[in-house]
Amino acid sequence: MSDADPIGAAEESASDSPPVTPLLAPREGVPPVLSSAADFADAAQRLAAGSGPVALDTERASGYRYSQRAYLIQIRRTGAGSFLLDPIEEPEALRPVIDALAEPEWILHAADQDLPCLRELGFHATTLFDTELAGRLLGLTKVNLAAMVEQFLGFGLQKGHGAADWSKRPLPAEWLNYAALDVEVLIELRDAMDAALRDAGKSDWAAEEFAYVLRRPPSPPRTDRWRRTANIHTVKTARGLAAVRELWSAREEIAQRRDVAPGRVLPDSAIITAAAAAPSTTDELTRLPVFGGPRQRRQAGIWLSALLRARDLPEAELPPRKTPATGPPPISRWDQRNPEAAARASAVRPLVKQIAEEHTLPPENLLTPDLVRQLCWEGIDPPITEAAVDARLAAGDARDWQRSLTVGPITAALNEATSSTSPTPDQS
């Protein structure tokens, strides 16, 4: 494996960079796809006999299926080799593999994408190394896997099948080659990035971040998800919004039942068109774009029923034109609504950006924008002390390393902002 210096590689010009070696196939060839209980048991035995961390990746079928389940699991461990697991036919037979992976450190790239579907199958990690998150902590401008493998290891990864329909069976050979390559050098990448984190004095930060990723609970479901329909802003009436909501809900029920991506059941554009046209008969509906096709004609009764439900709703049950506000309003409105909060934001937000730049970090990885916004909007009751600021940031899930960099400067900034907006004796 090539050990190109990661930090130096980031700074070199294109003309000085070492040549990139295309990584076209796994070094031991593409492993067979394992799908039976016997296959899984044998893989578990070999994985348990391996050493060091375990590289993992999953392939889903987003854009094709409603679920976010894993349709392929890729695993690699030193001394054991690479494995491609098909978890669809016998997911309950994965237990030996799950047990074999319970103790070793997991290496994932963009763990938030893979952890949910792995947990759905019963996999659970005790320690983690997220190469994408490590790249963000190092301040890299490109944190996709291919860019980082090229920068740190000097290899060029194949691209092209990440957005494919991985629920397809059998999986094409070129897809399997692509999938196996995603874990082929993940262990080497982890080691190179770990060294770069140590050199940058950020290895403890990374450890805290990786632990946080593992313990963070899933995000709560979005409310009023139908409001995310593309181009819904063109619907001007509450009755039209009700039509969007009813069509979206009908589509959602079909998509979930059939395990098909909602957009493949009925595109957003068709929902908006029907909501605007408000057809009242099947003939009127099927004259609209999309609805005239054979498949949509078969489902015309479902879509028309949804539209008629919206048409017949009492005024009191129509959705509001705008989503009820939660949390602080947009910062652009703070000057009029809460001048003290605006002053705090003017002091704190540039400060967070400055601290992040000083430590070669994206500001959002230093403190989340939501936490900064909430802190500035609500403020802290005086006296504004470092202990009070620290407690507020800790309550917002800021990690120790983040608070160690920001509590002191933010405390000073909040006190200064409070002084600048406090009335003078003549004004009181």
Protein backbone atom coordinates (compact mmCIF):
# COMPACT_ATOMS: atom_id res chain seq x y z
CA MET A 1 0.00 0.00 0.00
CA SER A 2 1.17 3.52 -0.73
CA ASP A 3 1.67 5.72 2.34
CA ALA A 4 1.46 9.19 0.81
CA ASP A 5 1.67 11.86 3.53
CA PRO A 6 -1.95 12.96 4.06
CA ILE A 7 -1.31 16.52 5.18
CA GLY A 8 1.40 17.10 2.60
CA ALA A 9 -0.81 15.66 -0.12
CA ALA A 10 -3.48 18.20 0.75
CA GLU A 11 -1.03 21.05 0.32
CA GLU A 12 0.77 19.94 -2.81
CA SER A 13 -0.19 21.37 -6.14
CA ALA A 14 -1.62 19.08 -8.78
CA SER A 15 1.67 19.12 -10.69
CA ASP A 16 3.62 17.99 -7.59
CA SER A 17 1.16 15.32 -6.44
CA PRO A 18 2.25 11.69 -6.81
CA PRO A 19 0.50 9.74 -9.56
CA VAL A 20 -2.75 8.07 -8.61
CA THR A 21 -2.87 4.29 -9.01
CA PRO A 22 -6.29 3.09 -10.19
CA LEU A 23 -7.78 0.53 -7.82
CA LEU A 24 -9.69 -1.65 -10.26
CA ALA A 25 -10.26 -4.90 -8.36
CA PRO A 26 -9.79 -6.31 -4.85
CA ARG A 27 -6.35 -7.76 -4.24
CA GLU A 28 -7.78 -11.24 -3.52
CA GLY A 29 -10.50 -10.98 -6.14
CA VAL A 30 -14.19 -10.33 -5.62
CA PRO A 31 -15.44 -12.57 -2.80
CA PRO A 32 -18.56 -14.67 -3.34
CA VAL A 33 -21.90 -13.38 -2.08
CA LEU A 34 -22.84 -15.27 1.10
CA SER A 35 -26.52 -15.78 1.86
CA SER A 36 -27.03 -18.99 3.86
CA ALA A 37 -26.71 -19.86 7.53
CA ALA A 38 -23.75 -22.11 6.81
CA ASP A 39 -22.03 -19.34 4.83
CA PHE A 40 -22.58 -16.85 7.65
CA ALA A 41 -21.28 -19.24 10.30
CA ASP A 42 -18.10 -19.85 8.31
CA ALA A 43 -17.61 -16.11 7.74
CA ALA A 44 -18.09 -15.45 11.45
CA GLN A 45 -15.42 -18.01 12.33
CA ARG A 46 -12.94 -16.42 9.94
CA LEU A 47 -13.76 -12.90 11.10
CA ALA A 48 -13.32 -13.88 14.75
CA ALA A 49 -9.90 -15.33 13.91
CA GLY A 50 -8.82 -12.07 12.27
CA SER A 51 -7.14 -9.18 14.03
CA GLY A 52 -7.61 -5.46 14.44
CA PRO A 53 -10.58 -3.31 13.44
CA VAL A 54 -13.30 -4.31 11.02
CA ALA A 55 -14.11 -2.29 7.90
CA LEU A 56 -17.83 -2.22 7.05
CA ASP A 57 -20.06 -0.75 4.41
CA THR A 58 -23.63 -1.34 3.27
CA GLU A 59 -25.53 -0.90 0.06
CA ARG A 60 -29.18 0.14 0.10
CA ALA A 61 -31.73 0.83 -2.61
CA SER A 62 -32.66 4.44 -1.90
CA GLY A 63 -34.67 5.82 -4.77
CA TYR A 64 -36.02 2.35 -5.55
CA ARG A 65 -37.33 1.00 -2.24
CA TYR A 66 -39.35 2.55 0.56
CA SER A 67 -37.25 0.94 3.28
CA GLN A 68 -33.67 1.87 4.06
CA ARG A 69 -32.69 -1.73 4.76
CA ALA A 70 -29.27 -3.06 3.80
CA TYR A 71 -29.31 -5.23 0.69
CA LEU A 72 -25.59 -6.00 0.86
CA ILE A 73 -23.07 -5.84 3.70
CA GLN A 74 -19.37 -5.59 2.95
CA ILE A 75 -16.86 -6.57 5.64
CA ARG A 76 -13.08 -6.76 5.73
CA ARG A 77 -10.67 -7.64 8.54
CA THR A 78 -6.94 -8.23 8.56
CA GLY A 79 -6.21 -11.94 8.57
CA ALA A 80 -9.74 -12.82 7.49
CA GLY A 81 -10.15 -11.11 4.13
CA SER A 82 -13.25 -9.55 2.60
CA PHE A 83 -16.85 -10.75 2.70
CA LEU A 84 -20.02 -9.83 0.85
CA LEU A 85 -23.15 -10.75 2.79
CA ASP A 86 -26.68 -10.84 1.39
CA PRO A 87 -28.92 -10.29 4.46
CA ILE A 88 -32.26 -10.58 2.67
CA GLU A 89 -33.15 -14.28 2.57
CA GLU A 90 -32.01 -15.37 6.05
CA PRO A 91 -31.46 -12.27 8.20
CA GLU A 92 -31.97 -14.28 11.40
CA ALA A 93 -28.97 -16.44 10.43
CA LEU A 94 -26.62 -13.45 10.74
CA ARG A 95 -26.29 -13.92 14.51
CA PRO A 96 -22.81 -15.56 14.38
CA VAL A 97 -21.50 -12.63 12.30
CA ILE A 98 -23.17 -10.13 14.63
CA ASP A 99 -21.47 -11.78 17.61
CA ALA A 100 -18.09 -11.86 15.85
CA LEU A 101 -18.27 -8.11 15.22
CA ALA A 102 -19.49 -7.09 18.67
CA GLU A 103 -16.07 -6.35 20.17
CA PRO A 104 -13.71 -5.08 17.41
CA GLU A 105 -13.65 -1.43 16.43
CA TRP A 106 -15.79 -0.70 13.39
CA ILE A 107 -14.51 1.47 10.54
CA LEU A 108 -17.28 3.18 8.60
CA HIS A 109 -17.30 6.05 6.15
CA ALA A 110 -20.21 8.38 7.01
CA ALA A 111 -21.45 6.18 9.85
CA ASP A 112 -24.82 7.93 10.07
CA GLN A 113 -25.73 6.37 6.72
CA ASP A 114 -24.83 2.78 7.62
CA LEU A 115 -25.51 2.44 11.34
CA PRO A 116 -29.33 2.54 11.11
CA CYS A 117 -29.64 -0.35 8.66
CA LEU A 118 -26.97 -2.37 10.49
CA ARG A 119 -28.78 -1.86 13.79
CA GLU A 120 -32.03 -2.90 12.14
CA LEU A 121 -30.39 -6.28 11.48
CA GLY A 122 -29.12 -6.57 15.07
CA PHE A 123 -25.52 -5.37 14.60
CA HIS A 124 -24.15 -3.14 17.36
CA ALA A 125 -20.73 -1.54 17.68
CA THR A 126 -18.87 -0.77 20.89
CA THR A 127 -16.22 1.47 19.29
CA LEU A 128 -16.12 3.31 15.98
CA PHE A 129 -13.81 5.12 13.60
CA ASP A 130 -15.69 7.23 11.06
CA THR A 131 -13.34 8.20 8.24
CA GLU A 132 -15.63 10.92 6.88
CA LEU A 133 -15.96 12.56 10.29
CA ALA A 134 -12.20 12.28 10.76
CA GLY A 135 -11.78 14.15 7.49
CA ARG A 136 -14.05 16.94 8.72
CA LEU A 137 -12.08 17.24 11.95
CA LEU A 138 -8.92 17.52 9.86
CA GLY A 139 -10.50 20.34 7.87
CA LEU A 140 -10.35 18.53 4.53
CA THR A 141 -12.27 20.17 1.71
CA LYS A 142 -13.35 16.84 0.18
CA VAL A 143 -14.49 14.08 2.51
CA ASN A 144 -16.03 11.59 0.09
CA LEU A 145 -14.38 8.18 0.20
CA ALA A 146 -12.81 8.31 -3.24
CA ALA A 147 -11.19 11.71 -2.61
CA MET A 148 -9.79 10.63 0.73
CA VAL A 149 -8.45 7.32 -0.51
CA GLU A 150 -6.69 9.22 -3.29
CA GLN A 151 -5.30 11.86 -0.94
CA PHE A 152 -4.13 9.58 1.85
CA LEU A 153 -3.24 6.37 0.01
CA GLY A 154 -2.70 7.40 -3.60
CA PHE A 155 -5.34 5.07 -5.02
CA GLY A 156 -8.17 5.91 -7.39
CA LEU A 157 -11.44 4.19 -6.49
CA GLN A 158 -14.04 3.24 -9.07
CA LYS A 159 -17.30 5.16 -8.94
CA GLY A 160 -20.71 4.70 -10.47
CA HIS A 161 -22.90 2.19 -8.64
CA GLY A 162 -23.59 3.77 -5.25
CA ALA A 163 -27.06 4.91 -6.32
CA ALA A 164 -27.97 1.62 -8.03
CA ASP A 165 -30.91 -0.60 -7.13
CA TRP A 166 -29.14 -2.98 -4.75
CA SER A 167 -32.36 -4.92 -4.17
CA LYS A 168 -31.84 -6.43 -7.64
CA ARG A 169 -31.01 -10.13 -7.72
CA PRO A 170 -28.66 -11.45 -8.88
CA LEU A 171 -26.34 -8.51 -8.39
CA PRO A 172 -24.19 -7.77 -11.47
CA ALA A 173 -20.52 -8.68 -11.24
CA GLU A 174 -19.36 -5.07 -11.76
CA TRP A 175 -21.54 -3.93 -8.86
CA LEU A 176 -20.00 -6.56 -6.58
CA ASN A 177 -16.53 -5.46 -7.62
CA TYR A 178 -17.46 -1.87 -6.74
CA ALA A 179 -18.91 -2.96 -3.39
CA ALA A 180 -15.85 -5.00 -2.41
CA LEU A 181 -13.55 -2.08 -3.25
CA ASP A 182 -15.41 0.15 -0.78
CA VAL A 183 -13.85 -1.81 2.11
CA GLU A 184 -10.66 -2.87 0.33
CA VAL A 185 -8.47 -0.09 1.73
CA LEU A 186 -10.69 1.24 4.53
CA ILE A 187 -8.38 -0.21 7.22
CA GLU A 188 -5.33 1.45 5.64
CA LEU A 189 -7.27 4.70 5.32
CA ARG A 190 -8.25 4.54 8.98
CA ASP A 191 -4.62 4.08 10.02
CA ALA A 192 -3.42 6.98 7.87
CA MET A 193 -6.15 9.27 9.18
CA ASP A 194 -5.52 8.23 12.77
CA ALA A 195 -1.88 9.25 12.34
CA ALA A 196 -2.96 12.58 10.82
CA LEU A 197 -5.33 13.21 13.75
CA ARG A 198 -2.54 12.51 16.22
CA ASP A 199 -0.18 14.82 14.36
CA ALA A 200 -2.83 17.55 14.43
CA GLY A 201 -3.51 17.06 18.14
CA LYS A 202 -7.10 16.02 17.38
CA SER A 203 -7.17 12.33 18.22
CA ASP A 204 -8.97 12.93 21.54
CA TRP A 205 -11.52 15.11 19.74
CA ALA A 206 -12.12 12.33 17.25
CA ALA A 207 -12.58 9.74 20.00
CA GLU A 208 -15.26 11.92 21.61
CA GLU A 209 -17.01 12.45 18.29
CA PHE A 210 -16.99 8.77 17.40
CA ALA A 211 -18.40 7.84 20.82
CA TYR A 212 -21.11 10.48 20.38
CA VAL A 213 -22.12 9.06 17.00
CA LEU A 214 -22.65 5.66 18.62
CA ARG A 215 -24.70 6.91 21.56
CA ARG A 216 -26.74 9.55 19.73
CA PRO A 217 -30.41 8.54 19.52
CA PRO A 218 -32.17 8.49 16.16
CA SER A 219 -33.64 11.79 15.03
CA PRO A 220 -37.37 12.05 15.77
CA PRO A 221 -39.64 11.72 12.71
CA ARG A 222 -40.30 14.97 10.90
CA THR A 223 -43.76 16.42 11.37
CA ASP A 224 -45.83 17.28 8.32
CA ARG A 225 -43.44 15.47 5.98
CA TRP A 226 -45.86 16.10 3.12
CA ARG A 227 -44.78 19.75 3.21
CA ARG A 228 -41.45 18.65 1.72
CA THR A 229 -43.14 17.83 -1.60
CA ALA A 230 -41.11 19.50 -4.34
CA ASN A 231 -42.52 22.86 -5.50
CA ILE A 232 -45.22 22.93 -2.82
CA HIS A 233 -44.56 26.67 -2.61
CA THR A 234 -46.52 27.04 -5.86
CA VAL A 235 -49.71 25.86 -4.14
CA LYS A 236 -51.37 29.05 -2.95
CA THR A 237 -54.52 27.91 -1.11
CA ALA A 238 -55.20 25.89 2.03
CA ARG A 239 -57.55 23.68 -0.01
CA GLY A 240 -54.73 23.02 -2.47
CA LEU A 241 -52.41 22.14 0.41
CA ALA A 242 -55.01 19.71 1.68
CA ALA A 243 -54.99 18.05 -1.74
CA VAL A 244 -51.20 17.75 -1.60
CA ARG A 245 -51.44 16.24 1.88
CA GLU A 246 -54.11 13.69 0.90
CA LEU A 247 -52.31 12.63 -2.29
CA TRP A 248 -49.00 12.41 -0.43
CA SER A 249 -50.58 10.26 2.30
CA ALA A 250 -52.20 7.93 -0.23
CA ARG A 251 -48.89 7.59 -2.05
CA GLU A 252 -47.07 6.94 1.22
CA GLU A 253 -49.44 4.09 2.13
CA ILE A 254 -48.94 2.43 -1.25
CA ALA A 255 -45.16 2.92 -1.18
CA GLN A 256 -44.80 1.48 2.30
CA ARG A 257 -47.02 -1.50 1.55
CA ARG A 258 -45.18 -2.32 -1.67
CA ASP A 259 -41.72 -1.30 -0.41
CA VAL A 260 -41.28 1.03 -3.37
CA ALA A 261 -39.77 4.51 -3.26
CA PRO A 262 -42.65 7.03 -3.13
CA GLY A 263 -41.44 8.90 -6.20
CA ARG A 264 -41.79 5.70 -8.22
CA VAL A 265 -45.41 5.37 -7.15
CA LEU A 266 -46.30 8.94 -8.10
CA PRO A 267 -43.83 11.78 -8.73
CA ASP A 268 -44.05 14.99 -6.71
CA SER A 269 -44.69 16.92 -9.92
CA ALA A 270 -47.92 14.96 -10.49
CA ILE A 271 -49.11 15.68 -6.94
CA ILE A 272 -48.60 19.41 -7.42
CA THR A 273 -50.28 19.36 -10.84
CA ALA A 274 -53.34 17.55 -9.49
CA ALA A 275 -53.59 19.82 -6.46
CA ALA A 276 -53.60 22.87 -8.71
CA ALA A 277 -56.05 21.45 -11.25
CA ALA A 278 -58.44 20.00 -8.65
CA PRO A 279 -60.11 17.48 -10.98
CA SER A 280 -63.44 16.11 -9.79
CA THR A 281 -63.84 13.15 -12.15
CA THR A 282 -61.64 10.30 -13.33
CA ASP A 283 -61.71 11.67 -16.88
CA GLU A 284 -60.48 15.06 -15.72
CA LEU A 285 -57.74 13.43 -13.64
CA THR A 286 -56.45 11.15 -16.36
CA ARG A 287 -56.15 14.04 -18.78
CA LEU A 288 -53.43 15.49 -16.57
CA PRO A 289 -49.75 14.72 -17.23
CA VAL A 290 -48.57 11.44 -15.67
CA PHE A 291 -52.09 10.38 -14.64
CA GLY A 292 -52.90 9.35 -18.20
CA GLY A 293 -50.35 6.52 -18.23
CA PRO A 294 -51.47 2.89 -17.92
CA ARG A 295 -50.26 2.41 -14.36
CA GLN A 296 -51.77 5.64 -13.06
CA ARG A 297 -55.05 4.92 -14.84
CA ARG A 298 -55.27 1.70 -12.83
CA GLN A 299 -54.79 3.69 -9.63
CA ALA A 300 -56.94 6.64 -10.68
CA GLY A 301 -59.61 5.76 -8.14
CA ILE A 302 -57.11 6.04 -5.29
CA TRP A 303 -55.86 9.44 -6.40
CA LEU A 304 -59.33 10.79 -7.12
CA SER A 305 -60.57 9.65 -3.69
CA ALA A 306 -57.70 11.55 -2.08
CA LEU A 307 -58.56 14.69 -4.04
CA LEU A 308 -62.24 14.44 -3.17
CA ARG A 309 -61.41 14.02 0.53
CA ALA A 310 -59.45 17.26 0.35
CA ARG A 311 -62.28 18.99 -1.50
CA ASP A 312 -64.86 17.98 1.13
CA LEU A 313 -62.85 18.85 4.25
CA PRO A 314 -64.42 21.47 6.53
CA GLU A 315 -62.55 24.76 6.61
CA ALA A 316 -61.47 24.10 10.19
CA GLU A 317 -59.62 20.93 9.14
CA LEU A 318 -57.63 22.49 6.31
CA PRO A 319 -53.88 22.68 6.93
CA PRO A 320 -52.45 26.11 7.75
CA ARG A 321 -50.71 27.85 4.89
CA LYS A 322 -47.49 27.89 6.87
CA THR A 323 -46.07 25.36 9.29
CA PRO A 324 -46.51 26.51 12.89
CA ALA A 325 -43.21 28.01 14.00
CA THR A 326 -41.05 26.07 16.41
CA GLY A 327 -37.81 27.37 17.83
CA PRO A 328 -36.24 30.74 17.07
CA PRO A 329 -37.33 32.69 13.98
CA PRO A 330 -34.86 33.34 11.15
CA ILE A 331 -31.96 35.45 12.38
CA SER A 332 -32.77 38.11 9.79
CA ARG A 333 -35.84 38.99 11.86
CA TRP A 334 -34.14 39.21 15.23
CA ASP A 335 -33.34 42.92 15.03
CA GLN A 336 -37.03 43.79 15.23
CA ARG A 337 -38.29 40.93 17.39
CA ASN A 338 -35.46 40.50 19.89
CA PRO A 339 -32.66 43.10 19.62
CA GLU A 340 -30.80 41.59 22.58
CA ALA A 341 -30.70 38.20 20.84
CA ALA A 342 -29.55 39.89 17.63
CA ALA A 343 -26.67 41.48 19.53
CA ARG A 344 -25.72 38.13 21.01
CA ALA A 345 -25.80 36.50 17.58
CA SER A 346 -23.65 39.28 16.09
CA ALA A 347 -21.06 38.62 18.79
CA VAL A 348 -21.16 34.83 19.07
CA ARG A 349 -21.63 33.53 15.53
CA PRO A 350 -18.53 35.20 14.01
CA LEU A 351 -16.59 34.12 17.08
CA VAL A 352 -17.50 30.46 16.58
CA LYS A 353 -16.46 30.73 12.94
CA GLN A 354 -13.16 32.33 13.94
CA ILE A 355 -12.36 29.63 16.50
CA ALA A 356 -13.21 26.94 13.96
CA GLU A 357 -10.91 28.50 11.37
CA GLU A 358 -8.11 28.76 13.91
CA HIS A 359 -8.37 25.02 14.46
CA THR A 360 -9.00 24.10 10.81
CA LEU A 361 -12.54 22.91 11.40
CA PRO A 362 -15.90 23.47 9.74
CA PRO A 363 -17.88 25.70 12.14
CA GLU A 364 -20.73 23.19 12.26
CA ASN A 365 -18.33 20.57 13.62
CA LEU A 366 -17.25 22.92 16.38
CA LEU A 367 -20.79 23.77 17.51
CA THR A 368 -23.97 22.94 15.65
CA PRO A 369 -25.73 25.97 14.13
CA ASP A 370 -28.95 25.02 15.96
CA LEU A 371 -27.19 25.07 19.33
CA VAL A 372 -25.56 28.44 18.62
CA ARG A 373 -28.85 29.89 17.41
CA GLN A 374 -30.74 28.62 20.48
CA LEU A 375 -28.10 29.98 22.84
CA CYS A 376 -28.18 33.41 21.22
CA TRP A 377 -31.99 33.56 21.08
CA GLU A 378 -32.59 32.54 24.68
CA GLY A 379 -29.49 34.03 26.27
CA ILE A 380 -28.37 33.17 29.79
CA ASP A 381 -29.68 34.72 32.97
CA PRO A 382 -27.07 36.91 34.66
CA PRO A 383 -24.55 36.52 35.99
CA ILE A 384 -23.23 35.05 32.74
CA THR A 385 -20.45 32.78 33.97
CA GLU A 386 -18.33 30.18 32.27
CA ALA A 387 -20.06 27.53 34.39
CA ALA A 388 -23.47 28.66 33.13
CA VAL A 389 -22.35 28.71 29.50
CA ASP A 390 -20.69 25.33 29.89
CA ALA A 391 -23.88 23.86 31.36
CA ARG A 392 -25.98 25.27 28.52
CA LEU A 393 -23.65 23.87 25.84
CA ALA A 394 -23.46 20.50 27.61
CA ALA A 395 -27.27 20.36 27.71
CA GLY A 396 -27.16 20.83 23.92
CA ASP A 397 -24.85 17.78 23.58
CA ALA A 398 -21.65 19.76 22.96
CA ARG A 399 -18.73 17.47 23.71
CA ASP A 400 -15.93 18.20 26.19
CA TRP A 401 -13.44 19.21 23.50
CA GLN A 402 -15.92 21.60 21.88
CA ARG A 403 -16.71 23.26 25.20
CA SER A 404 -13.04 23.56 26.12
CA LEU A 405 -12.48 25.65 22.97
CA THR A 406 -15.61 27.78 23.13
CA VAL A 407 -16.90 28.33 26.67
CA GLY A 408 -14.44 31.06 27.65
CA PRO A 409 -14.69 33.13 24.43
CA ILE A 410 -18.48 32.75 24.25
CA THR A 411 -18.88 33.82 27.87
CA ALA A 412 -16.90 36.97 27.21
CA ALA A 413 -18.85 37.66 24.01
CA LEU A 414 -22.21 37.23 25.73
CA ASN A 415 -21.21 39.56 28.56
CA GLU A 416 -20.02 42.17 26.07
CA ALA A 417 -23.22 41.88 24.04
CA THR A 418 -25.31 42.20 27.20
CA SER A 419 -23.41 45.32 28.24
CA SER A 420 -23.88 46.91 24.83
CA THR A 421 -27.67 46.45 24.94
CA SER A 422 -28.24 47.23 28.62
CA PRO A 423 -29.90 50.62 29.29
CA THR A 424 -27.67 53.31 30.74
CA PRO A 425 -28.70 55.00 34.02
CA ASP A 426 -30.12 57.94 32.04
CA GLN A 427 -32.26 55.54 29.96
CA SER A 428 -33.65 53.55 32.89
